[in-house]
Amino acid sequence: MVRLLHIIILTLILTFSGCIKKKDVNETCPIAATIVAYSDLECLCCPGWTAVTEFDDTIRVTQFPNDELILLMMEQEGLPLYIRVDFEDEQLACDDQFKKITCVEVNYTPI
């Protein structure tokens, strides 16, 4: 009886664990954004990028995972730069506008 209960529980766990959708590595970042400004000033709340999302939210980012590529694109193409991102709140002393970028796609072209 106990063995049958273990088999049923194990079957349920394996069945429902397969339903969880994991983010595909090749899936694009979900939020369209436009980088509108960059500041290289060295003060606590000054440095970084300013972007506006497709939802008209203004976010500030201290760094992107690939800052060098974005700086190069900014030098070549100027601002604004169109990107796709995903982010989470950054725990900084300045304000709640700073975000930590968890996904960035720099070769995004707006429609």
C-alpha atoms as a PDB file:
ATOM      1  CA  MET A   1       0.000   0.000   0.000  1.00  0.00           C
ATOM      2  CA  VAL A   2       2.799   2.422   0.921  1.00  0.00           C
ATOM      3  CA  ARG A   3       4.658   1.502  -2.250  1.00  0.00           C
ATOM      4  CA  LEU A   4       1.554   2.221  -4.332  1.00  0.00           C
ATOM      5  CA  LEU A   5       1.199   5.618  -2.638  1.00  0.00           C
ATOM      6  CA  HIS A   6       4.853   6.437  -3.436  1.00  0.00           C
ATOM      7  CA  ILE A   7       4.342   5.455  -7.078  1.00  0.00           C
ATOM      8  CA  ILE A   8       1.234   7.666  -7.350  1.00  0.00           C
ATOM      9  CA  ILE A   9       3.005  10.657  -5.768  1.00  0.00           C
ATOM     10  CA  LEU A  10       6.062  10.192  -7.969  1.00  0.00           C
ATOM     11  CA  THR A  11       3.859   9.949 -11.071  1.00  0.00           C
ATOM     12  CA  LEU A  12       2.035  13.155 -10.151  1.00  0.00           C
ATOM     13  CA  ILE A  13       5.300  15.021  -9.509  1.00  0.00           C
ATOM     14  CA  LEU A  14       6.796  13.912 -12.823  1.00  0.00           C
ATOM     15  CA  THR A  15       3.586  14.724 -14.699  1.00  0.00           C
ATOM     16  CA  PHE A  16       3.184  18.248 -13.363  1.00  0.00           C
ATOM     17  CA  SER A  17       6.879  19.167 -13.353  1.00  0.00           C
ATOM     18  CA  GLY A  18       6.848  18.744 -17.140  1.00  0.00           C
ATOM     19  CA  CYS A  19       4.202  21.483 -17.426  1.00  0.00           C
ATOM     20  CA  ILE A  20       6.469  24.250 -16.172  1.00  0.00           C
ATOM     21  CA  LYS A  21       7.593  26.353 -19.124  1.00  0.00           C
ATOM     22  CA  LYS A  22      11.241  27.250 -18.939  1.00  0.00           C
ATOM     23  CA  LYS A  23      12.572  30.282 -20.775  1.00  0.00           C
ATOM     24  CA  ASP A  24      14.280  29.214 -23.972  1.00  0.00           C
ATOM     25  CA  VAL A  25      17.865  30.456 -24.240  1.00  0.00           C
ATOM     26  CA  ASN A  26      17.121  31.659 -27.790  1.00  0.00           C
ATOM     27  CA  GLU A  27      13.904  33.439 -26.793  1.00  0.00           C
ATOM     28  CA  THR A  28      14.116  37.178 -27.311  1.00  0.00           C
ATOM     29  CA  CYS A  29      13.928  39.615 -24.439  1.00  0.00           C
ATOM     30  CA  PRO A  30      10.274  40.531 -23.841  1.00  0.00           C
ATOM     31  CA  ILE A  31      10.330  44.339 -23.479  1.00  0.00           C
ATOM     32  CA  ALA A  32      11.079  46.822 -26.257  1.00  0.00           C
ATOM     33  CA  ALA A  33      13.006  49.846 -25.013  1.00  0.00           C
ATOM     34  CA  THR A  34      14.835  52.864 -26.357  1.00  0.00           C
ATOM     35  CA  ILE A  35      18.112  54.080 -24.861  1.00  0.00           C
ATOM     36  CA  VAL A  36      17.748  57.855 -24.819  1.00  0.00           C
ATOM     37  CA  ALA A  37      20.734  58.982 -22.727  1.00  0.00           C
ATOM     38  CA  TYR A  38      24.074  57.941 -21.287  1.00  0.00           C
ATOM     39  CA  SER A  39      26.021  59.569 -18.468  1.00  0.00           C
ATOM     40  CA  ASP A  40      29.576  58.673 -17.512  1.00  0.00           C
ATOM     41  CA  LEU A  41      29.699  61.055 -14.550  1.00  0.00           C
ATOM     42  CA  GLU A  42      31.201  59.472 -11.462  1.00  0.00           C
ATOM     43  CA  CYS A  43      28.688  60.197  -8.759  1.00  0.00           C
ATOM     44  CA  LEU A  44      26.482  57.777  -6.853  1.00  0.00           C
ATOM     45  CA  CYS A  45      23.233  58.449  -8.716  1.00  0.00           C
ATOM     46  CA  CYS A  46      24.567  59.818 -12.003  1.00  0.00           C
ATOM     47  CA  PRO A  47      26.224  57.096 -14.060  1.00  0.00           C
ATOM     48  CA  GLY A  48      24.598  54.831 -16.526  1.00  0.00           C
ATOM     49  CA  TRP A  49      21.965  54.560 -19.150  1.00  0.00           C
ATOM     50  CA  THR A  50      18.461  55.983 -19.330  1.00  0.00           C
ATOM     51  CA  ALA A  51      15.895  54.057 -21.340  1.00  0.00           C
ATOM     52  CA  VAL A  52      12.194  54.350 -22.011  1.00  0.00           C
ATOM     53  CA  THR A  53      10.236  51.109 -22.322  1.00  0.00           C
ATOM     54  CA  GLU A  54       7.362  50.372 -24.665  1.00  0.00           C
ATOM     55  CA  PHE A  55       5.085  51.024 -21.667  1.00  0.00           C
ATOM     56  CA  ASP A  56       6.483  54.581 -21.266  1.00  0.00           C
ATOM     57  CA  ASP A  57       8.343  53.654 -18.081  1.00  0.00           C
ATOM     58  CA  THR A  58      11.673  55.409 -17.625  1.00  0.00           C
ATOM     59  CA  ILE A  59      14.348  53.148 -16.225  1.00  0.00           C
ATOM     60  CA  ARG A  60      17.958  53.778 -15.281  1.00  0.00           C
ATOM     61  CA  VAL A  61      20.632  51.139 -15.665  1.00  0.00           C
ATOM     62  CA  THR A  62      24.126  51.291 -14.197  1.00  0.00           C
ATOM     63  CA  GLN A  63      25.407  48.728 -16.690  1.00  0.00           C
ATOM     64  CA  PHE A  64      24.384  46.282 -19.360  1.00  0.00           C
ATOM     65  CA  PRO A  65      25.861  42.798 -19.628  1.00  0.00           C
ATOM     66  CA  ASN A  66      27.524  43.991 -22.862  1.00  0.00           C
ATOM     67  CA  ASP A  67      28.282  47.685 -22.210  1.00  0.00           C
ATOM     68  CA  GLU A  68      31.117  47.722 -24.751  1.00  0.00           C
ATOM     69  CA  LEU A  69      28.856  46.686 -27.620  1.00  0.00           C
ATOM     70  CA  ILE A  70      26.218  49.246 -26.689  1.00  0.00           C
ATOM     71  CA  LEU A  71      28.845  52.008 -26.382  1.00  0.00           C
ATOM     72  CA  LEU A  72      30.220  51.052 -29.809  1.00  0.00           C
ATOM     73  CA  MET A  73      26.735  51.141 -31.330  1.00  0.00           C
ATOM     74  CA  MET A  74      26.118  54.512 -29.686  1.00  0.00           C
ATOM     75  CA  GLU A  75      29.337  55.885 -31.212  1.00  0.00           C
ATOM     76  CA  GLN A  76      28.439  54.540 -34.659  1.00  0.00           C
ATOM     77  CA  GLU A  77      24.699  55.190 -34.744  1.00  0.00           C
ATOM     78  CA  GLY A  78      24.126  57.811 -32.053  1.00  0.00           C
ATOM     79  CA  LEU A  79      21.070  57.901 -29.841  1.00  0.00           C
ATOM     80  CA  PRO A  80      18.390  56.703 -29.586  1.00  0.00           C
ATOM     81  CA  LEU A  81      19.284  53.019 -29.650  1.00  0.00           C
ATOM     82  CA  TYR A  82      16.519  50.471 -29.904  1.00  0.00           C
ATOM     83  CA  ILE A  83      16.904  47.356 -27.774  1.00  0.00           C
ATOM     84  CA  ARG A  84      14.867  44.593 -26.167  1.00  0.00           C
ATOM     85  CA  VAL A  85      15.375  43.936 -22.472  1.00  0.00           C
ATOM     86  CA  ASP A  86      14.183  42.229 -19.367  1.00  0.00           C
ATOM     87  CA  PHE A  87      15.029  43.550 -15.934  1.00  0.00           C
ATOM     88  CA  GLU A  88      14.473  43.365 -12.208  1.00  0.00           C
ATOM     89  CA  ASP A  89      14.719  45.950  -9.450  1.00  0.00           C
ATOM     90  CA  GLU A  90      18.232  46.997  -8.452  1.00  0.00           C
ATOM     91  CA  GLN A  91      18.900  47.584  -4.772  1.00  0.00           C
ATOM     92  CA  LEU A  92      20.682  50.940  -4.857  1.00  0.00           C
ATOM     93  CA  ALA A  93      20.540  53.862  -2.460  1.00  0.00           C
ATOM     94  CA  CYS A  94      19.514  56.393  -5.129  1.00  0.00           C
ATOM     95  CA  ASP A  95      15.944  55.624  -6.101  1.00  0.00           C
ATOM     96  CA  ASP A  96      13.741  52.872  -7.421  1.00  0.00           C
ATOM     97  CA  GLN A  97      14.295  53.716 -11.094  1.00  0.00           C
ATOM     98  CA  PHE A  98      17.538  51.727 -11.302  1.00  0.00           C
ATOM     99  CA  LYS A  99      17.095  48.260 -12.779  1.00  0.00           C
ATOM    100  CA  LYS A 100      19.347  45.237 -13.178  1.00  0.00           C
ATOM    101  CA  ILE A 101      19.295  44.022 -16.765  1.00  0.00           C
ATOM    102  CA  THR A 102      18.745  40.269 -16.958  1.00  0.00           C
ATOM    103  CA  CYS A 103      18.389  40.047 -20.750  1.00  0.00           C
ATOM    104  CA  VAL A 104      19.396  42.417 -23.547  1.00  0.00           C
ATOM    105  CA  GLU A 105      19.134  42.185 -27.313  1.00  0.00           C
ATOM    106  CA  VAL A 106      20.943  44.995 -29.080  1.00  0.00           C
ATOM    107  CA  ASN A 107      20.180  44.210 -32.695  1.00  0.00           C
ATOM    108  CA  TYR A 108      16.503  45.008 -32.293  1.00  0.00           C
ATOM    109  CA  THR A 109      14.788  47.168 -34.929  1.00  0.00           C
ATOM    110  CA  PRO A 110      11.481  48.772 -33.982  1.00  0.00           C
ATOM    111  CA  ILE A 111       8.457  48.212 -36.188  1.00  0.00           C
END
